[in-house]
């Protein structure tokens, strides 16, 4: 079966911080992205809006997007309030009539919409609701403790700080260096990129850790390293539950702490600032203490998102994070990922030389590109 060619629906919210799913698909699957539908920026390119993506066009109508020959329309943003706008329903119906499947990571399942479901059936097209969890998820048992690969989970100071992106960058380079590495998707965007996984934020809370455990067990065979995609933040008032479930379900040996260097408050990119982000060293203490309550773990490196800083300010942020924590720090998209790659390699070697169940040693501070 041929890989789908995506037209991404991101109307009204296409931007560096407001269209995470769209941006990640453009970054990691540019060859399969034919365009973006956003009336606000029609006539521009992805490069104009995001600073990457090249000449991928932004169009203002579904008809214009279908002219580029997509085989699937992918919902790249979440509509405000979680409800499907009337214009979107019309566009998605037009896409089905135009021969496209629908890919969605919304909490509102498109397959439950009677109009779209009937259209899909009549046209012989598929509606893929990627946030729909499996029906047979278990309660976690701690079985992930016993897998052979070195397991690394990204954790964050907030949502949308680069936890998935860091893991995808590391997976690509570790595999290129001969270390068999699997990226373990736990969110809708990772599933779109990898083609498998479980969106754990749509799982009933009792089974979040069980979902994480299942993903680790399914990924372990033939792998040297598992890079588990993190979600949320341990002190996020809305999303800490999924963060905790991932930690205790996946039983990571190492953690990579992710942070947007310019962000001072949790959620300050979209809502009113009210909860200040603590120092990185406080997050390290929290994550190591809470994670090690089930399986010994250590933070082995710091991944920074510096997209909105100058090069000089970004390098200063990396240096500052290293001084504060004593750990290697870099922006693996903007700069050399080597410090984090070295941290994973050293952590894995420590793990191989010891036994699983002993926390890996914190690596020596590596160089930053």
Protein backbone atom coordinates (compact mmCIF):
# COMPACT_ATOMS: atom_id res chain seq x y z
CA UNK A 1 0.00 0.00 0.00
CA UNK A 2 1.41 3.39 -1.01
CA UNK A 3 2.24 5.87 1.74
CA UNK A 4 -0.39 8.63 1.99
CA UNK A 5 0.18 12.11 0.59
CA UNK A 6 -1.13 14.64 3.10
CA UNK A 7 -3.01 17.90 2.78
CA UNK A 8 -2.88 19.36 6.29
CA UNK A 9 -5.87 21.23 7.72
CA UNK A 10 -4.58 24.00 10.01
CA UNK A 11 -7.05 26.81 9.33
CA UNK A 12 -6.66 29.88 11.50
CA UNK A 13 -3.91 28.51 13.73
CA UNK A 14 -0.92 27.69 11.52
CA UNK A 15 2.21 28.96 13.28
CA UNK A 16 5.39 27.96 15.12
CA UNK A 17 3.66 27.32 18.48
CA UNK A 18 0.00 26.83 17.60
CA UNK A 19 0.05 23.93 15.13
CA UNK A 20 2.25 21.27 16.74
CA UNK A 21 0.87 18.34 14.76
CA UNK A 22 1.03 20.13 11.42
CA UNK A 23 4.54 21.40 12.10
CA UNK A 24 5.90 17.99 13.08
CA UNK A 25 4.46 16.26 10.02
CA UNK A 26 5.96 19.00 7.82
CA UNK A 27 9.35 18.65 9.55
CA UNK A 28 9.58 14.84 9.43
CA UNK A 29 7.42 13.94 6.42
CA UNK A 30 7.94 16.86 3.99
CA UNK A 31 8.09 14.54 1.00
CA UNK A 32 4.57 13.33 1.83
CA UNK A 33 3.04 16.76 2.50
CA UNK A 34 1.46 18.44 -0.54
CA UNK A 35 0.06 21.52 1.18
CA UNK A 36 -1.53 23.24 4.18
CA UNK A 37 -5.07 24.66 4.27
CA UNK A 38 -5.11 27.94 6.19
CA UNK A 39 -7.11 30.89 4.89
CA UNK A 40 -5.11 33.35 7.00
CA UNK A 41 -1.79 32.56 5.27
CA UNK A 42 -3.00 31.45 1.82
CA UNK A 43 -0.45 32.19 -0.89
CA UNK A 44 2.55 31.74 1.42
CA UNK A 45 4.70 28.66 2.00
CA UNK A 46 5.46 26.55 5.05
CA UNK A 47 8.95 28.08 5.03
CA UNK A 48 7.45 31.57 5.27
CA UNK A 49 5.38 30.64 8.34
CA UNK A 50 7.54 28.11 10.20
CA UNK A 51 11.08 28.73 9.01
CA UNK A 52 11.21 25.20 7.57
CA UNK A 53 9.18 23.12 5.14
CA UNK A 54 10.48 24.73 1.98
CA UNK A 55 8.00 25.41 -0.80
CA UNK A 56 5.07 23.44 0.64
CA UNK A 57 2.17 25.72 -0.34
CA UNK A 58 -0.48 27.20 1.93
CA UNK A 59 -3.91 27.29 0.27
CA UNK A 60 -7.20 28.91 1.20
CA UNK A 61 -9.73 26.33 -0.01
CA UNK A 62 -10.12 22.58 -0.03
CA UNK A 63 -10.52 22.70 -3.80
CA UNK A 64 -7.11 24.36 -4.17
CA UNK A 65 -5.56 21.78 -1.84
CA UNK A 66 -7.06 18.82 -3.69
CA UNK A 67 -5.49 20.11 -6.89
CA UNK A 68 -2.10 19.02 -5.49
CA UNK A 69 -3.21 15.37 -5.44
CA UNK A 70 -3.35 14.40 -1.75
CA UNK A 71 -4.62 10.96 -0.81
CA UNK A 72 -5.41 11.96 2.79
CA UNK A 73 -6.44 15.12 4.62
CA UNK A 74 -4.75 15.33 8.02
CA UNK A 75 -6.15 17.48 10.82
CA UNK A 76 -3.10 19.41 11.99
CA UNK A 77 -4.54 21.56 14.78
CA UNK A 78 -7.20 21.26 17.48
CA UNK A 79 -10.23 23.54 16.99
CA UNK A 80 -11.04 25.79 19.93
CA UNK A 81 -13.39 24.06 22.36
CA UNK A 82 -12.71 20.70 20.77
CA UNK A 83 -15.77 20.91 18.53
CA UNK A 84 -15.67 20.51 14.78
CA UNK A 85 -16.38 23.89 13.09
CA UNK A 86 -19.02 23.87 10.36
CA UNK A 87 -16.48 24.95 7.74
CA UNK A 88 -14.22 22.03 8.67
CA UNK A 89 -17.06 19.53 8.34
CA UNK A 90 -17.77 20.85 4.84
CA UNK A 91 -14.10 20.70 3.90
CA UNK A 92 -13.70 17.17 5.22
CA UNK A 93 -16.80 16.05 3.34
CA UNK A 94 -15.36 17.63 0.19
CA UNK A 95 -12.09 15.77 0.81
CA UNK A 96 -13.90 12.44 1.07
CA UNK A 97 -15.75 13.18 -2.16
CA UNK A 98 -12.38 14.04 -3.70
CA UNK A 99 -10.97 10.59 -2.94
CA UNK A 100 -9.08 11.33 0.29
CA UNK A 101 -8.96 9.44 3.57
CA UNK A 102 -9.19 11.45 6.80
CA UNK A 103 -6.51 11.30 9.50
CA UNK A 104 -7.39 12.94 12.81
CA UNK A 105 -5.88 13.15 16.25
CA UNK A 106 -8.78 15.09 17.75
CA UNK A 107 -10.49 13.99 20.95
CA UNK A 108 -13.72 14.35 18.95
CA UNK A 109 -13.79 11.28 16.70
CA UNK A 110 -14.59 12.08 13.07
CA UNK A 111 -15.92 8.56 12.57
CA UNK A 112 -18.72 9.41 15.03
CA UNK A 113 -19.95 12.24 12.80
CA UNK A 114 -22.91 10.79 10.89
CA UNK A 115 -22.38 12.97 7.80
CA UNK A 116 -18.70 12.18 7.48
CA UNK A 117 -19.17 8.50 8.32
CA UNK A 118 -21.82 8.14 5.61
CA UNK A 119 -19.65 10.00 3.10
CA UNK A 120 -16.67 7.76 3.86
CA UNK A 121 -18.70 4.60 3.47
CA UNK A 122 -20.23 5.76 0.21
CA UNK A 123 -16.85 6.81 -1.21
CA UNK A 124 -14.97 3.77 0.07
CA UNK A 125 -12.61 5.95 2.09
CA UNK A 126 -11.18 5.52 5.60
CA UNK A 127 -11.53 7.75 8.66
CA UNK A 128 -8.59 7.14 10.99
CA UNK A 129 -9.20 8.50 14.51
CA UNK A 130 -5.70 8.14 15.91
CA UNK A 131 -6.69 9.06 19.46
CA UNK A 132 -9.12 6.14 19.73
CA UNK A 133 -7.41 3.81 22.25
CA UNK A 134 -7.38 0.00 22.15
CA UNK A 135 -10.24 -1.59 24.05
CA UNK A 136 -8.15 -4.20 25.87
CA UNK A 137 -5.52 -2.13 27.71
CA UNK A 138 -4.25 -3.66 30.98
CA UNK A 139 -3.42 -2.14 34.33
CA UNK A 140 0.39 -1.84 34.47
CA UNK A 141 2.21 -4.69 36.16
CA UNK A 142 5.80 -3.42 36.10
CA UNK A 143 6.67 -5.74 33.21
CA UNK A 144 8.56 -2.96 31.42
CA UNK A 145 11.29 -3.30 34.07
CA UNK A 146 12.40 -6.55 32.42
CA UNK A 147 12.94 -5.48 28.80
CA UNK A 148 16.47 -5.67 27.40
CA UNK A 149 16.82 -2.29 25.64
CA UNK A 150 17.94 0.87 27.40
CA UNK A 151 14.74 2.90 27.86
CA UNK A 152 14.80 6.71 27.73
CA UNK A 153 11.71 8.86 28.35
CA UNK A 154 11.49 12.58 27.60
CA UNK A 155 9.93 14.64 30.39
CA UNK A 156 9.15 18.34 30.37
CA UNK A 157 8.76 21.61 32.18
CA UNK A 158 5.48 22.14 30.29
CA UNK A 159 3.48 20.90 27.32
CA UNK A 160 4.68 21.64 23.79
CA UNK A 161 8.36 22.10 24.61
CA UNK A 162 9.85 19.52 22.21
CA UNK A 163 9.63 16.12 23.91
CA UNK A 164 8.62 14.30 20.73
CA UNK A 165 10.95 16.30 18.51
CA UNK A 166 13.96 15.56 20.71
CA UNK A 167 13.30 11.83 20.55
CA UNK A 168 12.79 11.83 16.79
CA UNK A 169 16.06 13.72 16.28
CA UNK A 170 17.93 11.29 18.53
CA UNK A 171 16.33 8.19 16.99
CA UNK A 172 17.41 9.22 13.51
CA UNK A 173 21.01 9.83 14.51
CA UNK A 174 21.39 6.83 16.82
CA UNK A 175 20.13 4.52 14.08
CA UNK A 176 22.52 6.14 11.60
CA UNK A 177 25.33 5.40 14.07
CA UNK A 178 24.50 1.70 14.27
CA UNK A 179 22.53 1.65 17.55
CA UNK A 180 19.19 -0.04 16.89
CA UNK A 181 16.76 2.54 18.21
CA UNK A 182 12.97 2.66 18.21
CA UNK A 183 10.90 5.77 18.74
CA UNK A 184 7.85 4.85 20.85
CA UNK A 185 4.87 7.10 19.95
CA UNK A 186 2.48 8.07 22.75
CA UNK A 187 0.62 10.93 21.06
CA UNK A 188 -1.34 11.50 17.89
CA UNK A 189 1.46 13.34 16.08
CA UNK A 190 4.02 10.62 16.75
CA UNK A 191 1.50 8.05 15.54
CA UNK A 192 1.01 10.02 12.31
CA UNK A 193 4.77 10.06 11.71
CA UNK A 194 5.55 6.46 12.71
CA UNK A 195 2.30 4.76 11.71
CA UNK A 196 1.68 3.04 15.07
CA UNK A 197 1.37 3.75 18.80
CA UNK A 198 -1.22 4.71 21.42
CA UNK A 199 -2.34 8.26 22.22
CA UNK A 200 -2.15 7.93 25.98
CA UNK A 201 -3.94 11.20 26.73
CA UNK A 202 -7.15 9.59 25.45
CA UNK A 203 -6.81 6.54 27.70
CA UNK A 204 -8.84 6.14 30.91
CA UNK A 205 -6.51 7.13 33.74
CA UNK A 206 -6.28 3.65 35.33
CA UNK A 207 -4.83 2.31 32.07
CA UNK A 208 -2.35 5.03 31.04
CA UNK A 209 0.57 3.21 32.66
CA UNK A 210 -0.67 -0.04 31.15
CA UNK A 211 -0.68 1.57 27.69
CA UNK A 212 2.90 2.78 28.21
CA UNK A 213 3.93 -0.67 29.39
CA UNK A 214 2.35 -2.30 26.33
CA UNK A 215 4.16 0.07 23.97
CA UNK A 216 7.53 -0.68 25.59
CA UNK A 217 6.96 -4.42 25.48
CA UNK A 218 5.88 -4.27 21.83
CA UNK A 219 8.95 -2.22 20.89
CA UNK A 220 11.63 -4.12 22.76
CA UNK A 221 12.46 -7.01 20.44
CA UNK A 222 15.54 -6.33 18.33
CA UNK A 223 16.17 -2.88 19.81
CA UNK A 224 19.18 -1.54 21.70
CA UNK A 225 17.48 1.69 22.79
CA UNK A 226 13.83 2.69 23.18
CA UNK A 227 13.06 6.40 23.05
CA UNK A 228 9.62 6.90 24.60
CA UNK A 229 7.76 10.05 23.63
CA UNK A 230 6.87 12.05 26.74
CA UNK A 231 3.69 14.03 27.40
CA UNK A 232 2.79 16.93 29.66
CA UNK A 233 4.68 17.92 32.79
CA UNK A 234 4.69 16.53 36.32
CA UNK A 235 3.51 19.88 37.72
CA UNK A 236 1.07 20.84 34.96
CA UNK A 237 -2.35 21.31 36.62
CA UNK A 238 -4.14 19.75 33.66
CA UNK A 239 -1.79 17.09 32.30
CA UNK A 240 0.34 15.74 35.14
CA UNK A 241 -1.63 12.48 35.27
CA UNK A 242 -0.47 11.34 31.84
CA UNK A 243 3.12 12.31 32.70
CA UNK A 244 3.05 10.15 35.81
CA UNK A 245 1.43 7.23 33.99
CA UNK A 246 4.12 7.28 31.30
CA UNK A 247 6.92 7.34 33.86
CA UNK A 248 5.64 4.45 35.94
CA UNK A 249 4.39 2.41 32.99
CA UNK A 250 7.48 2.64 30.79
CA UNK A 251 10.01 2.20 33.66
CA UNK A 252 12.69 4.34 31.99
CA UNK A 253 16.37 3.90 32.83
CA UNK A 254 17.13 7.47 31.78
CA UNK A 255 15.23 10.73 31.37
CA UNK A 256 15.85 13.70 29.09
CA UNK A 257 14.40 16.93 30.48
CA UNK A 258 12.89 19.21 27.82
CA UNK A 259 12.34 22.95 28.22
CA UNK A 260 11.58 26.00 26.08
CA UNK A 261 14.24 28.44 27.18
CA UNK A 262 12.15 31.60 26.85
CA UNK A 263 9.09 30.26 28.65
CA UNK A 264 8.61 31.43 32.23
CA UNK A 265 5.10 30.21 33.02
CA UNK A 266 3.31 26.92 32.38
CA UNK A 267 0.97 27.39 29.43
CA UNK A 268 2.05 30.98 28.82
CA UNK A 269 2.08 30.53 25.05
CA UNK A 270 -1.73 30.28 24.91
CA UNK A 271 -3.31 31.22 28.23
CA UNK A 272 -2.77 33.73 31.00
CA UNK A 273 0.46 33.24 32.93
CA UNK A 274 -0.09 32.21 36.54
CA UNK A 275 2.15 29.22 37.43
CA UNK A 276 5.85 29.99 37.20
CA UNK A 277 8.15 27.25 35.86
CA UNK A 278 10.59 26.20 38.63
CA UNK A 279 14.36 25.93 38.06
CA UNK A 280 15.57 22.94 36.01
CA UNK A 281 17.31 21.44 39.03
CA UNK A 282 13.95 21.30 40.83
CA UNK A 283 12.43 19.38 37.92
CA UNK A 284 15.35 16.96 38.01
CA UNK A 285 14.72 16.32 41.70
CA UNK A 286 11.00 15.81 41.12
CA UNK A 287 11.32 13.51 38.13
CA UNK A 288 14.06 11.37 39.62
CA UNK A 289 12.26 11.01 42.96
CA UNK A 290 8.85 10.22 41.51
CA UNK A 291 10.15 7.99 38.72
CA UNK A 292 12.49 6.04 40.99
CA UNK A 293 9.60 5.19 43.30
CA UNK A 294 8.85 2.43 40.76
CA UNK A 295 12.10 1.97 38.80
CA UNK A 296 15.48 3.66 39.41
CA UNK A 297 16.04 6.45 36.90
CA UNK A 298 18.16 9.55 36.37
CA UNK A 299 18.00 12.63 34.17
CA UNK A 300 20.89 12.23 31.70
CA UNK A 301 20.59 15.41 29.63
CA UNK A 302 18.70 18.61 28.88
CA UNK A 303 16.99 19.26 25.53
CA UNK A 304 16.16 22.90 24.92
CA UNK A 305 13.74 24.50 22.49
CA UNK A 306 15.29 27.83 21.48
CA UNK A 307 13.34 28.53 18.28
CA UNK A 308 12.44 32.09 19.33
CA UNK A 309 15.94 33.14 20.48
CA UNK A 310 18.88 34.53 18.55
CA UNK A 311 21.83 32.18 18.01
CA UNK A 312 23.82 33.94 20.70
CA UNK A 313 20.97 33.82 23.21
CA UNK A 314 20.31 30.17 22.36
CA UNK A 315 23.93 29.20 22.99
CA UNK A 316 23.88 31.12 26.26
CA UNK A 317 20.73 29.22 27.27
CA UNK A 318 22.47 25.89 26.63
CA UNK A 319 25.51 26.98 28.62
CA UNK A 320 23.29 28.21 31.46
CA UNK A 321 21.40 24.92 31.62
CA UNK A 322 24.66 22.99 31.81
CA UNK A 323 25.98 25.24 34.58
CA UNK A 324 22.77 24.88 36.57
CA UNK A 325 22.39 21.12 36.25
CA UNK A 326 25.86 19.74 35.54
CA UNK A 327 24.33 17.87 32.58
CA UNK A 328 24.87 18.14 28.81
CA UNK A 329 22.42 20.57 27.24
CA UNK A 330 21.66 21.45 23.64
CA UNK A 331 18.90 22.29 21.20
CA UNK A 332 19.04 19.10 19.07
CA UNK A 333 17.19 20.73 16.15
CA UNK A 334 19.12 23.98 16.00
CA UNK A 335 22.55 22.81 17.13
CA UNK A 336 24.53 19.57 17.21
CA UNK A 337 22.62 16.79 19.01
CA UNK A 338 25.93 15.17 20.02
CA UNK A 339 25.70 16.01 23.76
CA UNK A 340 22.40 14.13 24.09
CA UNK A 341 23.55 11.32 21.79
CA UNK A 342 26.63 10.89 23.96
CA UNK A 343 24.46 10.91 27.08
CA UNK A 344 22.29 8.10 25.68
CA UNK A 345 25.32 6.08 24.57
CA UNK A 346 27.01 6.47 27.95
CA UNK A 347 23.81 5.68 29.81
CA UNK A 348 23.31 2.55 27.73
CA UNK A 349 26.90 1.45 28.30
CA UNK A 350 26.51 1.93 32.04
CA UNK A 351 23.31 -0.07 31.86
CA UNK A 352 25.02 -2.90 29.94
CA UNK A 353 27.91 -2.98 32.37
CA UNK A 354 25.58 -3.15 35.37
CA UNK A 355 22.14 -4.60 35.71
CA UNK A 356 18.69 -3.27 34.96
CA UNK A 357 17.20 -1.89 38.13
CA UNK A 358 20.26 0.21 38.96
CA UNK A 359 19.87 3.85 37.99
CA UNK A 360 22.28 4.96 35.29
CA UNK A 361 24.99 7.39 36.28
CA UNK A 362 24.64 10.96 35.16
CA UNK A 363 26.99 11.49 32.19
CA UNK A 364 29.86 13.90 32.19
CA UNK A 365 29.05 17.21 30.57
CA UNK A 366 29.52 16.82 26.83
CA UNK A 367 30.43 19.36 24.20
CA UNK A 368 27.74 21.45 22.58
CA UNK A 369 27.69 22.14 18.87
